[in-house]
């Protein structure tokens, strides 16, 4: 049964993530510092023209009755995470449109979908089992972020620096080798605090631009002429990229 198998895989994933999550060091102080005022101060640094812009008044909300600081921490962490995903998607779209790995990618020795296909079509063409592998990896990373308090790092709604991802060291020590998602080679550890602060602002801006970029690609493929800048190279896609398992569930 496909759904039972999927549930078993996810249960195993959640179990692994929680089993190797170290306990918080009680000596670590937790300080909430993300407020609407912080966002208003950061706005001009990110974009001197737009400055602070919150048309939906999200920063004034009280998500899950957690309070302002936890809500703003949730929003900041969410934006950075989505920006990182968008940057990977933007680069991946360009690479997949021009190149595929030449080595076998399936158990029968065949390679992946041709680069002649749109990235959306390439996704549709891979086996459903491969899609579930990708989904399971993403689910594991999400669970690790939520419950792995590595090195005494609190939850992002309770004082963690927005965008900070827990180290995978416990997983490396107990399960399998894996590089940390953030700064896996330690290049930034010797940077000054000022340089790190500039880098964090640049990451937010790059993430916002990437979100516009990847949705520009998807829109151009779905609605011809919707993005004039790439109208000459965009190819029409008949599927629905918002339904990633379209055609797999019957």
Protein backbone atom coordinates (compact mmCIF):
# COMPACT_ATOMS: atom_id res chain seq x y z
CA UNK A 1 0.00 0.00 0.00
CA UNK A 2 1.61 3.22 -1.23
CA UNK A 3 0.23 5.49 1.47
CA UNK A 4 1.19 3.10 4.27
CA UNK A 5 4.74 2.94 2.89
CA UNK A 6 4.92 6.73 2.74
CA UNK A 7 3.64 7.06 6.30
CA UNK A 8 6.24 4.55 7.50
CA UNK A 9 9.05 6.47 5.78
CA UNK A 10 7.93 9.76 7.33
CA UNK A 11 7.58 8.20 10.77
CA UNK A 12 11.13 6.88 10.49
CA UNK A 13 12.34 10.31 9.41
CA UNK A 14 10.71 12.02 12.39
CA UNK A 15 12.11 9.40 14.74
CA UNK A 16 15.66 9.85 13.48
CA UNK A 17 15.45 13.62 13.78
CA UNK A 18 14.21 13.57 17.35
CA UNK A 19 16.40 10.69 18.51
CA UNK A 20 19.65 12.49 17.79
CA UNK A 21 18.60 15.99 18.80
CA UNK A 22 20.79 17.00 21.75
CA UNK A 23 19.33 18.71 24.78
CA UNK A 24 19.46 22.48 25.15
CA UNK A 25 22.26 23.76 27.30
CA UNK A 26 20.46 25.39 30.21
CA UNK A 27 23.28 27.88 30.56
CA UNK A 28 22.44 29.48 27.23
CA UNK A 29 20.49 32.69 27.60
CA UNK A 30 17.51 33.12 25.30
CA UNK A 31 16.81 36.70 24.30
CA UNK A 32 13.88 37.68 22.12
CA UNK A 33 14.88 40.64 19.98
CA UNK A 34 12.73 40.45 16.84
CA UNK A 35 9.96 43.05 16.93
CA UNK A 36 8.11 45.22 14.43
CA UNK A 37 10.46 48.06 15.40
CA UNK A 38 13.42 45.90 14.36
CA UNK A 39 11.78 45.31 10.97
CA UNK A 40 11.16 49.03 10.51
CA UNK A 41 14.80 49.75 11.31
CA UNK A 42 16.02 47.03 8.94
CA UNK A 43 13.77 48.10 6.04
CA UNK A 44 15.87 51.05 4.77
CA UNK A 45 19.04 48.95 5.03
CA UNK A 46 17.51 46.34 2.74
CA UNK A 47 15.96 48.77 0.27
CA UNK A 48 16.33 52.56 0.71
CA UNK A 49 13.47 53.16 -1.75
CA UNK A 50 10.84 50.72 -0.48
CA UNK A 51 12.01 50.75 3.15
CA UNK A 52 9.63 48.96 5.53
CA UNK A 53 6.68 47.47 3.64
CA UNK A 54 4.08 45.24 5.25
CA UNK A 55 0.79 45.78 3.38
CA UNK A 56 -0.88 42.79 5.08
CA UNK A 57 0.23 43.93 8.57
CA UNK A 58 1.67 40.49 9.26
CA UNK A 59 4.14 41.87 11.80
CA UNK A 60 1.22 43.09 13.88
CA UNK A 61 -0.26 39.62 14.11
CA UNK A 62 -0.11 37.15 16.96
CA UNK A 63 0.50 33.76 15.35
CA UNK A 64 -0.64 30.84 17.50
CA UNK A 65 -0.97 33.24 20.46
CA UNK A 66 2.83 33.36 20.73
CA UNK A 67 3.19 37.14 20.98
CA UNK A 68 4.76 39.78 18.76
CA UNK A 69 8.41 38.76 19.11
CA UNK A 70 7.75 35.10 18.37
CA UNK A 71 5.53 36.04 15.42
CA UNK A 72 8.17 38.31 13.91
CA UNK A 73 10.79 35.61 14.49
CA UNK A 74 8.57 33.14 12.63
CA UNK A 75 8.10 35.58 9.74
CA UNK A 76 11.81 36.40 9.47
CA UNK A 77 12.88 32.77 9.57
CA UNK A 78 10.21 31.84 7.04
CA UNK A 79 11.25 34.55 4.58
CA UNK A 80 14.91 33.60 4.75
CA UNK A 81 14.10 29.91 4.31
CA UNK A 82 11.85 30.56 1.32
CA UNK A 83 14.49 32.85 -0.15
CA UNK A 84 17.11 30.12 0.09
CA UNK A 85 14.78 27.62 -1.57
CA UNK A 86 14.04 30.15 -4.31
CA UNK A 87 17.76 30.76 -4.93
CA UNK A 88 18.32 27.02 -5.31
CA UNK A 89 15.26 26.76 -7.57
CA UNK A 90 16.35 29.69 -9.75
CA UNK A 91 19.83 28.29 -10.31
CA UNK A 92 18.44 24.78 -10.70
CA UNK A 93 15.99 25.92 -13.37
CA UNK A 94 18.78 27.44 -15.44
CA UNK A 95 21.06 24.42 -15.02
CA UNK A 96 18.32 21.89 -15.76
CA UNK A 97 17.37 23.80 -18.90
CA UNK A 98 20.85 23.32 -20.31
CA UNK A 99 22.46 20.28 -18.70
CA UNK A 100 21.75 16.92 -17.08
CA UNK A 101 24.10 14.64 -15.17
CA UNK A 102 25.51 12.09 -17.64
CA UNK A 103 25.67 9.13 -15.25
CA UNK A 104 22.80 6.67 -14.61
CA UNK A 105 20.14 7.97 -12.24
CA UNK A 106 17.82 4.97 -12.09
CA UNK A 107 18.24 1.37 -11.00
CA UNK A 108 17.84 0.19 -14.60
CA UNK A 109 20.87 2.24 -15.67
CA UNK A 110 19.01 4.97 -17.52
CA UNK A 111 19.79 8.66 -17.15
CA UNK A 112 17.44 11.39 -16.06
CA UNK A 113 14.99 13.29 -18.29
CA UNK A 114 16.52 15.11 -21.25
CA UNK A 115 17.55 18.76 -21.04
CA UNK A 116 15.30 19.27 -24.08
CA UNK A 117 12.39 19.18 -21.63
CA UNK A 118 11.38 22.11 -19.47
CA UNK A 119 12.37 21.73 -15.79
CA UNK A 120 8.65 21.36 -15.02
CA UNK A 121 8.42 18.56 -17.58
CA UNK A 122 11.55 16.94 -16.17
CA UNK A 123 9.87 16.78 -12.77
CA UNK A 124 6.78 15.21 -14.31
CA UNK A 125 8.97 12.63 -16.06
CA UNK A 126 10.82 11.27 -13.03
CA UNK A 127 9.36 8.21 -11.25
CA UNK A 128 6.97 8.78 -8.37
CA UNK A 129 9.37 6.95 -6.05
CA UNK A 130 12.04 9.55 -6.82
CA UNK A 131 9.61 12.34 -5.97
CA UNK A 132 8.88 10.71 -2.61
CA UNK A 133 12.63 10.47 -1.91
CA UNK A 134 12.97 14.21 -2.48
CA UNK A 135 9.87 14.93 -0.39
CA UNK A 136 11.18 12.76 2.46
CA UNK A 137 14.54 14.57 2.49
CA UNK A 138 12.76 17.93 2.65
CA UNK A 139 10.54 16.66 5.46
CA UNK A 140 13.58 15.47 7.41
CA UNK A 141 15.29 18.87 7.08
CA UNK A 142 12.11 20.60 8.25
CA UNK A 143 11.78 18.33 11.28
CA UNK A 144 15.46 18.76 12.15
CA UNK A 145 15.03 22.53 12.06
CA UNK A 146 12.01 22.32 14.34
CA UNK A 147 13.26 19.93 17.02
CA UNK A 148 17.07 19.66 16.86
CA UNK A 149 18.42 22.12 19.44
CA UNK A 150 22.02 21.60 18.48
CA UNK A 151 24.59 23.37 20.67
CA UNK A 152 21.84 24.94 22.77
CA UNK A 153 20.23 26.79 19.87
CA UNK A 154 16.63 27.72 20.76
CA UNK A 155 13.65 27.57 18.41
CA UNK A 156 13.40 30.42 15.92
CA UNK A 157 10.30 31.72 17.73
CA UNK A 158 12.19 31.77 21.02
CA UNK A 159 15.27 33.82 20.28
CA UNK A 160 17.24 31.99 17.59
CA UNK A 161 18.82 34.21 14.96
CA UNK A 162 16.50 34.15 11.93
CA UNK A 163 17.83 31.82 9.26
CA UNK A 164 20.21 29.97 11.57
CA UNK A 165 19.98 26.24 10.87
CA UNK A 166 21.01 23.65 13.49
CA UNK A 167 24.21 21.74 12.84
CA UNK A 168 23.93 18.21 11.47
CA UNK A 169 26.81 17.09 13.70
CA UNK A 170 24.62 14.70 15.79
CA UNK A 171 23.42 13.08 12.56
CA UNK A 172 27.03 12.81 11.32
CA UNK A 173 28.13 11.22 14.57
CA UNK A 174 25.30 8.70 14.84
CA UNK A 175 23.87 7.99 11.40
CA UNK A 176 25.67 9.10 8.25
CA UNK A 177 28.11 11.72 7.02
CA UNK A 178 26.38 14.94 6.00
CA UNK A 179 27.67 18.48 5.59
CA UNK A 180 26.03 21.28 7.52
CA UNK A 181 23.60 23.32 5.44
CA UNK A 182 25.03 26.61 6.68
CA UNK A 183 28.69 27.35 5.99
CA UNK A 184 29.70 23.68 5.65
CA UNK A 185 33.38 24.54 5.12
CA UNK A 186 33.67 27.22 7.81
CA UNK A 187 34.50 30.08 5.46
CA UNK A 188 32.58 32.69 7.47
CA UNK A 189 33.83 31.92 10.97
CA UNK A 190 36.64 34.48 10.73
CA UNK A 191 34.53 37.26 9.22
CA UNK A 192 33.88 40.37 11.28
CA UNK A 193 30.46 40.95 12.81
CA UNK A 194 29.96 43.88 10.45
CA UNK A 195 30.67 41.68 7.44
CA UNK A 196 28.32 39.01 8.73
CA UNK A 197 25.57 41.59 9.21
CA UNK A 198 26.02 42.83 5.64
CA UNK A 199 25.92 39.25 4.42
CA UNK A 200 22.64 38.59 6.21
CA UNK A 201 21.06 41.64 4.59
CA UNK A 202 22.39 40.61 1.18
CA UNK A 203 20.94 37.13 1.64
CA UNK A 204 17.47 38.53 2.31
CA UNK A 205 17.66 40.74 -0.80
CA UNK A 206 18.99 37.92 -2.96
CA UNK A 207 16.26 35.62 -1.68
CA UNK A 208 13.55 38.15 -2.49
CA UNK A 209 14.95 38.61 -6.00
CA UNK A 210 15.17 34.85 -6.49
CA UNK A 211 11.53 34.41 -5.45
CA UNK A 212 10.54 36.88 -8.16
CA UNK A 213 12.91 35.17 -10.60
CA UNK A 214 11.69 31.59 -10.21
CA UNK A 215 8.05 32.64 -10.35
CA UNK A 216 8.91 34.67 -13.44
CA UNK A 217 10.21 31.51 -15.11
CA UNK A 218 7.15 29.49 -14.10
CA UNK A 219 4.74 32.24 -15.18
CA UNK A 220 6.44 32.67 -18.55
CA UNK A 221 6.14 28.94 -19.24
CA UNK A 222 2.49 28.78 -18.20
CA UNK A 223 1.13 32.08 -19.57
CA UNK A 224 2.75 33.03 -22.85
CA UNK A 225 3.93 36.63 -22.96
CA UNK A 226 3.40 37.23 -19.24
CA UNK A 227 7.11 37.98 -18.77
CA UNK A 228 8.18 40.00 -21.84
CA UNK A 229 11.90 39.86 -20.97
CA UNK A 230 12.04 36.09 -21.61
CA UNK A 231 9.08 35.70 -23.97
CA UNK A 232 11.42 34.68 -26.78
CA UNK A 233 12.97 31.75 -24.93
CA UNK A 234 10.13 30.54 -22.69
CA UNK A 235 8.36 27.34 -23.75
CA UNK A 236 4.76 26.53 -22.98
CA UNK A 237 4.00 24.08 -20.18
CA UNK A 238 0.61 22.36 -20.13
CA UNK A 239 0.82 20.95 -16.61
CA UNK A 240 0.35 22.61 -13.24
CA UNK A 241 3.55 23.21 -11.27
CA UNK A 242 1.44 23.88 -8.18
CA UNK A 243 0.36 20.21 -8.23
CA UNK A 244 3.74 18.43 -7.88
CA UNK A 245 2.22 14.94 -7.85
CA UNK A 246 -0.16 15.59 -10.73
CA UNK A 247 -0.77 12.33 -12.57
CA UNK A 248 0.59 10.21 -9.70
CA UNK A 249 -2.55 10.14 -7.53
CA UNK A 250 -5.53 8.44 -9.11
